[in-house]
Amino acid sequence: MVRKLSLLMGSFVVVSLIYAQDTTSRAKDSAALLSSESLSPPAIPATPPRSAAPARYDSYASPYKTSFRADGPIILGSIGLTLLGYNMIVNKAGLTATELAAKKESNVPWFDRGNVGYFNDKANDASYLPFFASFATPLVASLIDKKQRSHFFQVTSLYLETMAISGALYTLSAGAISRSRPLVYNPAAPYDRRVSNNSQRSFFAGHVSATASATFFAAQVFSDFNPDSKAKPYVWIAAAALPALVSYFRYEAGQHFLSDIILGYGIGMATGILVPKLHRSKTFRNLSLVPQAGRDYKGLALVYKL
């Protein structure tokens, strides 16, 4: 009995020693772990990588490509041709008394007889209001529209090129072609007005052409910078209305026949639209207008570079 009790006691002691040793080992491990955690710096949570910023669309980029090398000669040449045409206009001969007496309505094409003999100075004076206002339209639009304003000098150079070409086309035509104005056929109009050289340049309507060049240029540039704008229809309506108003006054004043006005409107509209477009479209990047003058001719040549 005592022996069994001694064996049990011995077993208990051995188990107790094993348990104590195991407990001590766990305590040491726990202490070592705590010690290492206290000595090491606190873990910093990993920062998730930043996603790349989306590419910003430059809404102020210009749709045009201009260069002094390409546009400079066109502007200077067109201004030179405008001055040449103006000199031709100033030196144009007026009508003699015999030539004035030969002026008959029957000599005018049937489609232009609607305002033969019209003479109205009030309508003539009124035509200058929208005429001068149109010149400011592209400049005001480029200052109001922030997209155009960031490229103000480029837009201004294109506008100068447009008006220089328009001026060259008009002055050369008016200087080279003699056509009496409708007021010349009115016996009640002042004699000196009827025979003056100024009254022999009905072809074509320069006021209408210049106005259309300015307003349609403004509309085209606005559309190119703001292709998705809801205001585009109203801009184009205004661009068409202003030269139409000038056309009405010039017609009523007896300054131009209907065909002169239609041609002037079309040339101005084409110039105002095409100059910006030719600087934008890749299809026409090798196409340019070059002033040409020779012994027997003066004008503009359309050149395509291969």
C-alpha atoms as a PDB file:
ATOM      1  CA  MET A   1       0.000   0.000   0.000  1.00  0.00           C
ATOM      2  CA  VAL A   2       2.745   2.362   1.019  1.00  0.00           C
ATOM      3  CA  ARG A   3       4.682   1.307  -2.078  1.00  0.00           C
ATOM      4  CA  LYS A   4       1.705   2.053  -4.308  1.00  0.00           C
ATOM      5  CA  LEU A   5       1.217   5.347  -2.583  1.00  0.00           C
ATOM      6  CA  SER A   6       4.889   6.158  -3.078  1.00  0.00           C
ATOM      7  CA  LEU A   7       4.631   5.336  -6.791  1.00  0.00           C
ATOM      8  CA  LEU A   8       1.560   7.555  -7.119  1.00  0.00           C
ATOM      9  CA  MET A   9       3.296  10.365  -5.311  1.00  0.00           C
ATOM     10  CA  GLY A  10       6.348   9.952  -7.537  1.00  0.00           C
ATOM     11  CA  SER A  11       4.217  10.029 -10.641  1.00  0.00           C
ATOM     12  CA  PHE A  12       2.451  13.117  -9.412  1.00  0.00           C
ATOM     13  CA  VAL A  13       5.754  14.845  -8.753  1.00  0.00           C
ATOM     14  CA  VAL A  14       7.057  13.939 -12.225  1.00  0.00           C
ATOM     15  CA  VAL A  15       3.860  15.185 -13.861  1.00  0.00           C
ATOM     16  CA  SER A  16       3.990  18.330 -11.763  1.00  0.00           C
ATOM     17  CA  LEU A  17       7.612  18.906 -12.775  1.00  0.00           C
ATOM     18  CA  ILE A  18       6.790  18.380 -16.445  1.00  0.00           C
ATOM     19  CA  TYR A  19       3.806  20.742 -16.206  1.00  0.00           C
ATOM     20  CA  ALA A  20       5.878  23.350 -14.360  1.00  0.00           C
ATOM     21  CA  GLN A  21       8.636  23.073 -16.926  1.00  0.00           C
ATOM     22  CA  ASP A  22       6.135  23.432 -19.757  1.00  0.00           C
ATOM     23  CA  THR A  23       4.481  26.425 -18.049  1.00  0.00           C
ATOM     24  CA  THR A  24       7.859  28.054 -17.491  1.00  0.00           C
ATOM     25  CA  SER A  25       8.772  27.536 -21.134  1.00  0.00           C
ATOM     26  CA  ARG A  26       5.508  29.125 -22.296  1.00  0.00           C
ATOM     27  CA  ALA A  27       6.031  32.081 -19.949  1.00  0.00           C
ATOM     28  CA  LYS A  28       9.533  32.612 -21.320  1.00  0.00           C
ATOM     29  CA  ASP A  29       8.257  32.485 -24.873  1.00  0.00           C
ATOM     30  CA  SER A  30       5.489  34.967 -24.033  1.00  0.00           C
ATOM     31  CA  ALA A  31       7.944  37.295 -22.330  1.00  0.00           C
ATOM     32  CA  ALA A  32      10.299  37.135 -25.269  1.00  0.00           C
ATOM     33  CA  LEU A  33       7.448  37.895 -27.666  1.00  0.00           C
ATOM     34  CA  LEU A  34       6.303  40.862 -25.578  1.00  0.00           C
ATOM     35  CA  SER A  35       9.841  42.121 -25.335  1.00  0.00           C
ATOM     36  CA  SER A  36      10.354  41.954 -29.109  1.00  0.00           C
ATOM     37  CA  GLU A  37       7.048  43.699 -29.761  1.00  0.00           C
ATOM     38  CA  SER A  38       7.851  46.493 -27.329  1.00  0.00           C
ATOM     39  CA  LEU A  39      11.295  47.068 -28.869  1.00  0.00           C
ATOM     40  CA  SER A  40      10.201  47.019 -32.528  1.00  0.00           C
ATOM     41  CA  PRO A  41       8.470  50.122 -33.983  1.00  0.00           C
ATOM     42  CA  PRO A  42       4.742  49.949 -34.487  1.00  0.00           C
ATOM     43  CA  ALA A  43       3.730  48.534 -37.803  1.00  0.00           C
ATOM     44  CA  ILE A  44       2.495  51.142 -40.264  1.00  0.00           C
ATOM     45  CA  PRO A  45      -0.380  49.970 -42.414  1.00  0.00           C
ATOM     46  CA  ALA A  46       0.547  49.790 -46.035  1.00  0.00           C
ATOM     47  CA  THR A  47      -0.773  52.710 -48.077  1.00  0.00           C
ATOM     48  CA  PRO A  48      -2.671  51.546 -51.107  1.00  0.00           C
ATOM     49  CA  PRO A  49      -0.978  52.668 -54.307  1.00  0.00           C
ATOM     50  CA  ARG A  50      -2.439  55.797 -55.814  1.00  0.00           C
ATOM     51  CA  SER A  51      -4.274  55.303 -58.997  1.00  0.00           C
ATOM     52  CA  ALA A  52      -2.900  57.277 -61.900  1.00  0.00           C
ATOM     53  CA  ALA A  53      -4.681  60.580 -62.385  1.00  0.00           C
ATOM     54  CA  PRO A  54      -6.908  60.496 -65.445  1.00  0.00           C
ATOM     55  CA  ALA A  55      -5.510  62.379 -68.398  1.00  0.00           C
ATOM     56  CA  ARG A  56      -6.988  65.878 -68.515  1.00  0.00           C
ATOM     57  CA  TYR A  57      -8.519  66.802 -71.827  1.00  0.00           C
ATOM     58  CA  ASP A  58      -7.212  70.177 -72.928  1.00  0.00           C
ATOM     59  CA  SER A  59     -10.435  71.888 -73.936  1.00  0.00           C
ATOM     60  CA  TYR A  60      -8.505  75.040 -74.797  1.00  0.00           C
ATOM     61  CA  ALA A  61      -6.408  73.490 -77.540  1.00  0.00           C
ATOM     62  CA  SER A  62      -6.617  75.351 -80.834  1.00  0.00           C
ATOM     63  CA  PRO A  63      -8.130  73.507 -83.786  1.00  0.00           C
ATOM     64  CA  TYR A  64      -5.915  75.505 -86.157  1.00  0.00           C
ATOM     65  CA  LYS A  65      -2.348  75.301 -87.329  1.00  0.00           C
ATOM     66  CA  THR A  66      -0.746  78.567 -88.376  1.00  0.00           C
ATOM     67  CA  SER A  67       2.792  79.639 -89.159  1.00  0.00           C
ATOM     68  CA  PHE A  68       4.372  82.906 -90.189  1.00  0.00           C
ATOM     69  CA  ARG A  69       6.201  81.145 -92.992  1.00  0.00           C
ATOM     70  CA  ALA A  70       2.946  79.986 -94.591  1.00  0.00           C
ATOM     71  CA  ASP A  71       0.511  82.734 -93.606  1.00  0.00           C
ATOM     72  CA  GLY A  72       2.811  85.759 -93.612  1.00  0.00           C
ATOM     73  CA  PRO A  73       3.280  85.893 -97.416  1.00  0.00           C
ATOM     74  CA  ILE A  74      -0.457  85.436 -97.977  1.00  0.00           C
ATOM     75  CA  ILE A  75      -1.350  88.291 -95.619  1.00  0.00           C
ATOM     76  CA  LEU A  76       1.308  90.660 -96.956  1.00  0.00           C
ATOM     77  CA  GLY A  77       0.609  89.728-100.571  1.00  0.00           C
ATOM     78  CA  SER A  78      -3.143  90.169-100.152  1.00  0.00           C
ATOM     79  CA  ILE A  79      -2.674  93.554 -98.506  1.00  0.00           C
ATOM     80  CA  GLY A  80      -0.412  94.548-101.397  1.00  0.00           C
ATOM     81  CA  LEU A  81      -3.021  93.461-103.940  1.00  0.00           C
ATOM     82  CA  THR A  82      -5.695  95.354-102.003  1.00  0.00           C
ATOM     83  CA  LEU A  83      -3.639  98.531-102.254  1.00  0.00           C
ATOM     84  CA  LEU A  84      -3.095  97.882-105.930  1.00  0.00           C
ATOM     85  CA  GLY A  85      -6.825  97.393-106.478  1.00  0.00           C
ATOM     86  CA  TYR A  86      -7.588 100.533-104.499  1.00  0.00           C
ATOM     87  CA  ASN A  87      -5.226 102.494-106.719  1.00  0.00           C
ATOM     88  CA  MET A  88      -7.063 101.117-109.759  1.00  0.00           C
ATOM     89  CA  ILE A  89     -10.393 102.234-108.276  1.00  0.00           C
ATOM     90  CA  VAL A  90      -9.160 105.748-107.572  1.00  0.00           C
ATOM     91  CA  ASN A  91      -7.836 106.117-111.102  1.00  0.00           C
ATOM     92  CA  LYS A  92     -10.900 104.633-112.784  1.00  0.00           C
ATOM     93  CA  ALA A  93     -12.515 106.902-115.338  1.00  0.00           C
ATOM     94  CA  GLY A  94     -16.022 108.252-114.831  1.00  0.00           C
ATOM     95  CA  LEU A  95     -18.746 108.582-117.457  1.00  0.00           C
ATOM     96  CA  THR A  96     -18.861 111.177-120.171  1.00  0.00           C
ATOM     97  CA  ALA A  97     -22.107 112.957-120.970  1.00  0.00           C
ATOM     98  CA  THR A  98     -22.507 110.806-124.069  1.00  0.00           C
ATOM     99  CA  GLU A  99     -21.981 107.591-122.123  1.00  0.00           C
ATOM    100  CA  LEU A 100     -24.473 108.702-119.475  1.00  0.00           C
ATOM    101  CA  ALA A 101     -27.099 109.453-122.129  1.00  0.00           C
ATOM    102  CA  ALA A 102     -26.673 105.940-123.495  1.00  0.00           C
ATOM    103  CA  LYS A 103     -27.585 104.337-120.193  1.00  0.00           C
ATOM    104  CA  LYS A 104     -30.957 102.611-120.660  1.00  0.00           C
ATOM    105  CA  GLU A 105     -32.860 100.200-118.456  1.00  0.00           C
ATOM    106  CA  SER A 106     -33.137  97.850-121.413  1.00  0.00           C
ATOM    107  CA  ASN A 107     -29.357  97.425-121.336  1.00  0.00           C
ATOM    108  CA  VAL A 108     -29.567  95.922-117.849  1.00  0.00           C
ATOM    109  CA  PRO A 109     -30.084  92.134-117.598  1.00  0.00           C
ATOM    110  CA  TRP A 110     -33.680  91.283-116.767  1.00  0.00           C
ATOM    111  CA  PHE A 111     -32.820  89.756-113.383  1.00  0.00           C
ATOM    112  CA  ASP A 112     -31.211  93.041-112.267  1.00  0.00           C
ATOM    113  CA  ARG A 113     -33.970  95.444-113.290  1.00  0.00           C
ATOM    114  CA  GLY A 114     -35.773  95.332-109.940  1.00  0.00           C
ATOM    115  CA  ASN A 115     -33.947  98.377-108.545  1.00  0.00           C
ATOM    116  CA  VAL A 116     -32.894 100.237-111.702  1.00  0.00           C
ATOM    117  CA  GLY A 117     -32.955 103.961-110.874  1.00  0.00           C
ATOM    118  CA  TYR A 118     -33.092 103.495-107.082  1.00  0.00           C
ATOM    119  CA  PHE A 119     -31.470 106.374-105.209  1.00  0.00           C
ATOM    120  CA  ASN A 120     -31.734 106.695-101.428  1.00  0.00           C
ATOM    121  CA  ASP A 121     -29.009 108.361 -99.367  1.00  0.00           C
ATOM    122  CA  LYS A 122     -30.692 107.469 -96.071  1.00  0.00           C
ATOM    123  CA  ALA A 123     -30.514 103.773 -96.910  1.00  0.00           C
ATOM    124  CA  ASN A 124     -26.905 104.251 -97.968  1.00  0.00           C
ATOM    125  CA  ASP A 125     -26.019 105.872 -94.640  1.00  0.00           C
ATOM    126  CA  ALA A 126     -27.905 103.173 -92.720  1.00  0.00           C
ATOM    127  CA  SER A 127     -25.854 100.441 -94.415  1.00  0.00           C
ATOM    128  CA  TYR A 128     -22.700 101.649 -92.690  1.00  0.00           C
ATOM    129  CA  LEU A 129     -23.986 100.848 -89.183  1.00  0.00           C
ATOM    130  CA  PRO A 130     -24.073  97.029 -89.555  1.00  0.00           C
ATOM    131  CA  PHE A 131     -21.103  97.272 -91.928  1.00  0.00           C
ATOM    132  CA  PHE A 132     -18.765  98.764 -89.323  1.00  0.00           C
ATOM    133  CA  ALA A 133     -20.279  96.690 -86.507  1.00  0.00           C
ATOM    134  CA  SER A 134     -19.427  93.484 -88.355  1.00  0.00           C
ATOM    135  CA  PHE A 135     -15.701  94.224 -88.215  1.00  0.00           C
ATOM    136  CA  ALA A 136     -15.750  94.059 -84.414  1.00  0.00           C
ATOM    137  CA  THR A 137     -17.714  90.795 -84.301  1.00  0.00           C
ATOM    138  CA  PRO A 138     -14.774  88.329 -84.514  1.00  0.00           C
ATOM    139  CA  LEU A 139     -12.665  90.333 -82.056  1.00  0.00           C
ATOM    140  CA  VAL A 140     -15.453  90.652 -79.493  1.00  0.00           C
ATOM    141  CA  ALA A 141     -16.300  86.943 -79.852  1.00  0.00           C
ATOM    142  CA  SER A 142     -12.669  85.942 -79.306  1.00  0.00           C
ATOM    143  CA  LEU A 143     -12.559  88.011 -76.107  1.00  0.00           C
ATOM    144  CA  ILE A 144     -15.853  86.696 -74.721  1.00  0.00           C
ATOM    145  CA  ASP A 145     -15.212  83.033 -75.516  1.00  0.00           C
ATOM    146  CA  LYS A 146     -12.493  81.818 -73.103  1.00  0.00           C
ATOM    147  CA  LYS A 147     -11.405  79.099 -75.526  1.00  0.00           C
ATOM    148  CA  GLN A 148     -10.767  81.621 -78.273  1.00  0.00           C
ATOM    149  CA  ARG A 149      -9.309  84.114 -75.824  1.00  0.00           C
ATOM    150  CA  SER A 150      -6.489  81.708 -74.975  1.00  0.00           C
ATOM    151  CA  HIS A 151      -5.527  81.830 -78.683  1.00  0.00           C
ATOM    152  CA  PHE A 152      -6.418  85.476 -79.308  1.00  0.00           C
ATOM    153  CA  PHE A 153      -3.386  86.333 -81.429  1.00  0.00           C
ATOM    154  CA  GLN A 154      -3.785  83.258 -83.608  1.00  0.00           C
ATOM    155  CA  VAL A 155      -7.464  84.016 -84.211  1.00  0.00           C
ATOM    156  CA  THR A 156      -6.616  87.658 -84.933  1.00  0.00           C
ATOM    157  CA  SER A 157      -4.002  86.653 -87.504  1.00  0.00           C
ATOM    158  CA  LEU A 158      -6.518  84.388 -89.239  1.00  0.00           C
ATOM    159  CA  TYR A 159      -9.042  87.219 -89.228  1.00  0.00           C
ATOM    160  CA  LEU A 160      -6.491  89.575 -90.755  1.00  0.00           C
ATOM    161  CA  GLU A 161      -5.756  86.999 -93.441  1.00  0.00           C
ATOM    162  CA  THR A 162      -9.462  86.582 -94.165  1.00  0.00           C
ATOM    163  CA  MET A 163     -10.114  90.298 -94.542  1.00  0.00           C
ATOM    164  CA  ALA A 164      -6.950  90.837 -96.586  1.00  0.00           C
ATOM    165  CA  ILE A 165      -8.025  88.172 -99.092  1.00  0.00           C
ATOM    166  CA  SER A 166     -11.563  89.547 -99.163  1.00  0.00           C
ATOM    167  CA  GLY A 167     -10.250  93.061 -99.732  1.00  0.00           C
ATOM    168  CA  ALA A 168      -7.957  91.942-102.538  1.00  0.00           C
ATOM    169  CA  LEU A 169     -10.754  90.114-104.343  1.00  0.00           C
ATOM    170  CA  TYR A 170     -13.070  93.126-104.129  1.00  0.00           C
ATOM    171  CA  THR A 171     -10.694  95.957-104.988  1.00  0.00           C
ATOM    172  CA  LEU A 172      -9.154  94.136-107.950  1.00  0.00           C
ATOM    173  CA  SER A 173     -12.614  93.329-109.315  1.00  0.00           C
ATOM    174  CA  ALA A 174     -14.008  96.818-108.720  1.00  0.00           C
ATOM    175  CA  GLY A 175     -10.896  98.394-110.190  1.00  0.00           C
ATOM    176  CA  ALA A 176     -10.801  96.242-113.309  1.00  0.00           C
ATOM    177  CA  ILE A 177     -14.530  95.952-114.093  1.00  0.00           C
ATOM    178  CA  SER A 178     -16.706  98.983-114.828  1.00  0.00           C
ATOM    179  CA  ARG A 179     -20.404  98.609-114.113  1.00  0.00           C
ATOM    180  CA  SER A 180     -22.652 101.554-113.352  1.00  0.00           C
ATOM    181  CA  ARG A 181     -24.652 101.540-110.145  1.00  0.00           C
ATOM    182  CA  PRO A 182     -28.474 101.493-110.302  1.00  0.00           C
ATOM    183  CA  LEU A 183     -28.616 105.138-109.228  1.00  0.00           C
ATOM    184  CA  VAL A 184     -26.885 106.151-112.494  1.00  0.00           C
ATOM    185  CA  TYR A 185     -30.134 105.322-114.319  1.00  0.00           C
ATOM    186  CA  ASN A 186     -32.120 107.807-112.222  1.00  0.00           C
ATOM    187  CA  PRO A 187     -32.400 111.224-113.955  1.00  0.00           C
ATOM    188  CA  ALA A 188     -33.361 112.796-110.615  1.00  0.00           C
ATOM    189  CA  ALA A 189     -30.068 111.820-108.980  1.00  0.00           C
ATOM    190  CA  PRO A 190     -27.350 114.500-108.867  1.00  0.00           C
ATOM    191  CA  TYR A 191     -25.474 114.680-112.150  1.00  0.00           C
ATOM    192  CA  ASP A 192     -22.036 114.620-110.543  1.00  0.00           C
ATOM    193  CA  ARG A 193     -22.964 111.467-108.633  1.00  0.00           C
ATOM    194  CA  ARG A 194     -24.131 109.754-111.802  1.00  0.00           C
ATOM    195  CA  VAL A 195     -20.974 110.387-113.812  1.00  0.00           C
ATOM    196  CA  SER A 196     -18.388 109.984-110.993  1.00  0.00           C
ATOM    197  CA  ASN A 197     -15.966 107.075-111.101  1.00  0.00           C
ATOM    198  CA  ASN A 198     -17.308 105.945-107.713  1.00  0.00           C
ATOM    199  CA  SER A 199     -20.650 105.180-109.376  1.00  0.00           C
ATOM    200  CA  GLN A 200     -18.991 102.905-111.942  1.00  0.00           C
ATOM    201  CA  ARG A 201     -18.078 100.114-109.532  1.00  0.00           C
ATOM    202  CA  SER A 202     -21.297  98.308-108.875  1.00  0.00           C
ATOM    203  CA  PHE A 203     -19.582  94.950-109.455  1.00  0.00           C
ATOM    204  CA  PHE A 204     -19.458  93.481-106.937  1.00  0.00           C
ATOM    205  CA  ALA A 205     -20.965  94.505-103.573  1.00  0.00           C
ATOM    206  CA  GLY A 206     -17.896  95.255-101.459  1.00  0.00           C
ATOM    207  CA  HIS A 207     -19.758  96.273 -98.292  1.00  0.00           C
ATOM    208  CA  VAL A 208     -21.760  93.051 -98.376  1.00  0.00           C
ATOM    209  CA  SER A 209     -18.682  90.939 -99.095  1.00  0.00           C
ATOM    210  CA  ALA A 210     -16.627  92.457 -96.265  1.00  0.00           C
ATOM    211  CA  THR A 211     -19.496  92.113 -93.786  1.00  0.00           C
ATOM    212  CA  ALA A 212     -20.088  88.476 -94.722  1.00  0.00           C
ATOM    213  CA  SER A 213     -16.370  87.717 -94.478  1.00  0.00           C
ATOM    214  CA  ALA A 214     -16.262  89.055 -90.915  1.00  0.00           C
ATOM    215  CA  THR A 215     -19.460  87.502 -89.588  1.00  0.00           C
ATOM    216  CA  PHE A 216     -19.052  84.080 -91.183  1.00  0.00           C
ATOM    217  CA  PHE A 217     -15.442  83.991 -90.001  1.00  0.00           C
ATOM    218  CA  ALA A 218     -16.672  84.630 -86.451  1.00  0.00           C
ATOM    219  CA  ALA A 219     -19.291  81.877 -86.766  1.00  0.00           C
ATOM    220  CA  GLN A 220     -16.834  79.343 -88.198  1.00  0.00           C
ATOM    221  CA  VAL A 221     -14.216  80.014 -85.524  1.00  0.00           C
ATOM    222  CA  PHE A 222     -16.829  79.761 -82.760  1.00  0.00           C
ATOM    223  CA  SER A 223     -18.026  76.434 -84.169  1.00  0.00           C
ATOM    224  CA  ASP A 224     -14.498  75.062 -84.424  1.00  0.00           C
ATOM    225  CA  PHE A 225     -13.680  75.960 -80.826  1.00  0.00           C
ATOM    226  CA  ASN A 226     -17.118  74.895 -79.519  1.00  0.00           C
ATOM    227  CA  PRO A 227     -18.274  71.976 -81.690  1.00  0.00           C
ATOM    228  CA  ASP A 228     -20.872  70.822 -79.144  1.00  0.00           C
ATOM    229  CA  SER A 229     -22.288  74.220 -78.222  1.00  0.00           C
ATOM    230  CA  LYS A 230     -26.055  74.616 -78.324  1.00  0.00           C
ATOM    231  CA  ALA A 231     -25.558  78.235 -79.348  1.00  0.00           C
ATOM    232  CA  LYS A 232     -24.153  77.319 -82.758  1.00  0.00           C
ATOM    233  CA  PRO A 233     -27.464  77.667 -84.695  1.00  0.00           C
ATOM    234  CA  TYR A 234     -28.024  81.150 -83.271  1.00  0.00           C
ATOM    235  CA  VAL A 235     -24.442  82.169 -84.051  1.00  0.00           C
ATOM    236  CA  TRP A 236     -24.846  81.119 -87.683  1.00  0.00           C
ATOM    237  CA  ILE A 237     -28.225  82.865 -87.966  1.00  0.00           C
ATOM    238  CA  ALA A 238     -26.660  86.089 -86.670  1.00  0.00           C
ATOM    239  CA  ALA A 239     -23.737  85.647 -89.054  1.00  0.00           C
ATOM    240  CA  ALA A 240     -26.126  85.388 -91.995  1.00  0.00           C
ATOM    241  CA  ALA A 241     -28.457  88.172 -90.831  1.00  0.00           C
ATOM    242  CA  LEU A 242     -25.946  90.998 -90.553  1.00  0.00           C
ATOM    243  CA  PRO A 243     -24.696  90.909 -94.173  1.00  0.00           C
ATOM    244  CA  ALA A 244     -28.294  90.361 -95.298  1.00  0.00           C
ATOM    245  CA  LEU A 245     -29.217  93.620 -93.573  1.00  0.00           C
ATOM    246  CA  VAL A 246     -26.339  95.391 -95.319  1.00  0.00           C
ATOM    247  CA  SER A 247     -27.510  93.827 -98.594  1.00  0.00           C
ATOM    248  CA  TYR A 248     -30.998  95.250 -98.139  1.00  0.00           C
ATOM    249  CA  PHE A 249     -29.745  98.788 -97.488  1.00  0.00           C
ATOM    250  CA  ARG A 250     -27.294  98.688-100.415  1.00  0.00           C
ATOM    251  CA  TYR A 251     -30.054  97.461-102.715  1.00  0.00           C
ATOM    252  CA  GLU A 252     -32.506 100.160-101.603  1.00  0.00           C
ATOM    253  CA  ALA A 253     -29.819 102.831-101.851  1.00  0.00           C
ATOM    254  CA  GLY A 254     -29.251 102.031-105.517  1.00  0.00           C
ATOM    255  CA  GLN A 255     -25.614 101.140-104.890  1.00  0.00           C
ATOM    256  CA  HIS A 256     -25.693  97.604-106.306  1.00  0.00           C
ATOM    257  CA  PHE A 257     -27.828  95.351-108.460  1.00  0.00           C
ATOM    258  CA  LEU A 258     -29.183  92.079-107.140  1.00  0.00           C
ATOM    259  CA  SER A 259     -26.533  89.961-108.881  1.00  0.00           C
ATOM    260  CA  ASP A 260     -23.761  92.163-107.442  1.00  0.00           C
ATOM    261  CA  ILE A 261     -25.140  91.631-103.957  1.00  0.00           C
ATOM    262  CA  ILE A 262     -25.573  87.872-104.321  1.00  0.00           C
ATOM    263  CA  LEU A 263     -22.038  87.491-105.653  1.00  0.00           C
ATOM    264  CA  GLY A 264     -20.593  89.713-102.933  1.00  0.00           C
ATOM    265  CA  TYR A 265     -22.471  87.769-100.254  1.00  0.00           C
ATOM    266  CA  GLY A 266     -21.231  84.458-101.632  1.00  0.00           C
ATOM    267  CA  ILE A 267     -17.595  85.556-101.941  1.00  0.00           C
ATOM    268  CA  GLY A 268     -17.599  86.995 -98.432  1.00  0.00           C
ATOM    269  CA  MET A 269     -19.225  83.908 -96.948  1.00  0.00           C
ATOM    270  CA  ALA A 270     -16.798  81.582 -98.750  1.00  0.00           C
ATOM    271  CA  THR A 271     -13.772  83.568 -97.625  1.00  0.00           C
ATOM    272  CA  GLY A 272     -14.937  83.758 -94.016  1.00  0.00           C
ATOM    273  CA  ILE A 273     -15.554  80.013 -93.828  1.00  0.00           C
ATOM    274  CA  LEU A 274     -12.726  78.640 -95.966  1.00  0.00           C
ATOM    275  CA  VAL A 275      -9.787  80.490 -94.422  1.00  0.00           C
ATOM    276  CA  PRO A 276     -10.322  78.926 -90.959  1.00  0.00           C
ATOM    277  CA  LYS A 277     -11.209  75.571 -92.498  1.00  0.00           C
ATOM    278  CA  LEU A 278      -8.070  75.450 -94.629  1.00  0.00           C
ATOM    279  CA  HIS A 279      -6.038  75.924 -91.467  1.00  0.00           C
ATOM    280  CA  ARG A 280      -7.878  73.126 -89.714  1.00  0.00           C
ATOM    281  CA  SER A 281      -8.489  70.239 -92.120  1.00  0.00           C
ATOM    282  CA  LYS A 282      -5.604  67.815 -92.637  1.00  0.00           C
ATOM    283  CA  THR A 283      -6.964  67.167 -96.096  1.00  0.00           C
ATOM    284  CA  PHE A 284      -6.156  70.718 -97.162  1.00  0.00           C
ATOM    285  CA  ARG A 285      -2.954  71.260 -95.198  1.00  0.00           C
ATOM    286  CA  ASN A 286      -0.984  71.443 -98.475  1.00  0.00           C
ATOM    287  CA  LEU A 287      -3.502  73.798-100.094  1.00  0.00           C
ATOM    288  CA  SER A 288      -2.851  77.535-100.019  1.00  0.00           C
ATOM    289  CA  LEU A 289      -3.747  80.843-101.656  1.00  0.00           C
ATOM    290  CA  VAL A 290      -0.812  82.685-103.177  1.00  0.00           C
ATOM    291  CA  PRO A 291      -0.977  86.242-104.545  1.00  0.00           C
ATOM    292  CA  GLN A 292      -0.048  86.401-108.234  1.00  0.00           C
ATOM    293  CA  ALA A 293       0.631  89.430-110.416  1.00  0.00           C
ATOM    294  CA  GLY A 294       1.941  89.602-113.949  1.00  0.00           C
ATOM    295  CA  ARG A 295       2.058  91.996-116.831  1.00  0.00           C
ATOM    296  CA  ASP A 296      -1.482  91.312-117.941  1.00  0.00           C
ATOM    297  CA  TYR A 297      -3.067  89.807-114.819  1.00  0.00           C
ATOM    298  CA  LYS A 298      -3.421  90.258-111.070  1.00  0.00           C
ATOM    299  CA  GLY A 299      -5.095  87.952-108.586  1.00  0.00           C
ATOM    300  CA  LEU A 300      -4.798  84.935-106.301  1.00  0.00           C
ATOM    301  CA  ALA A 301      -3.628  81.441-107.228  1.00  0.00           C
ATOM    302  CA  LEU A 302      -4.859  78.295-105.504  1.00  0.00           C
ATOM    303  CA  VAL A 303      -1.771  76.122-104.996  1.00  0.00           C
ATOM    304  CA  TYR A 304      -1.599  72.498-103.861  1.00  0.00           C
ATOM    305  CA  LYS A 305       1.794  71.258-102.680  1.00  0.00           C
ATOM    306  CA  LEU A 306       2.515  67.588-103.463  1.00  0.00           C
END
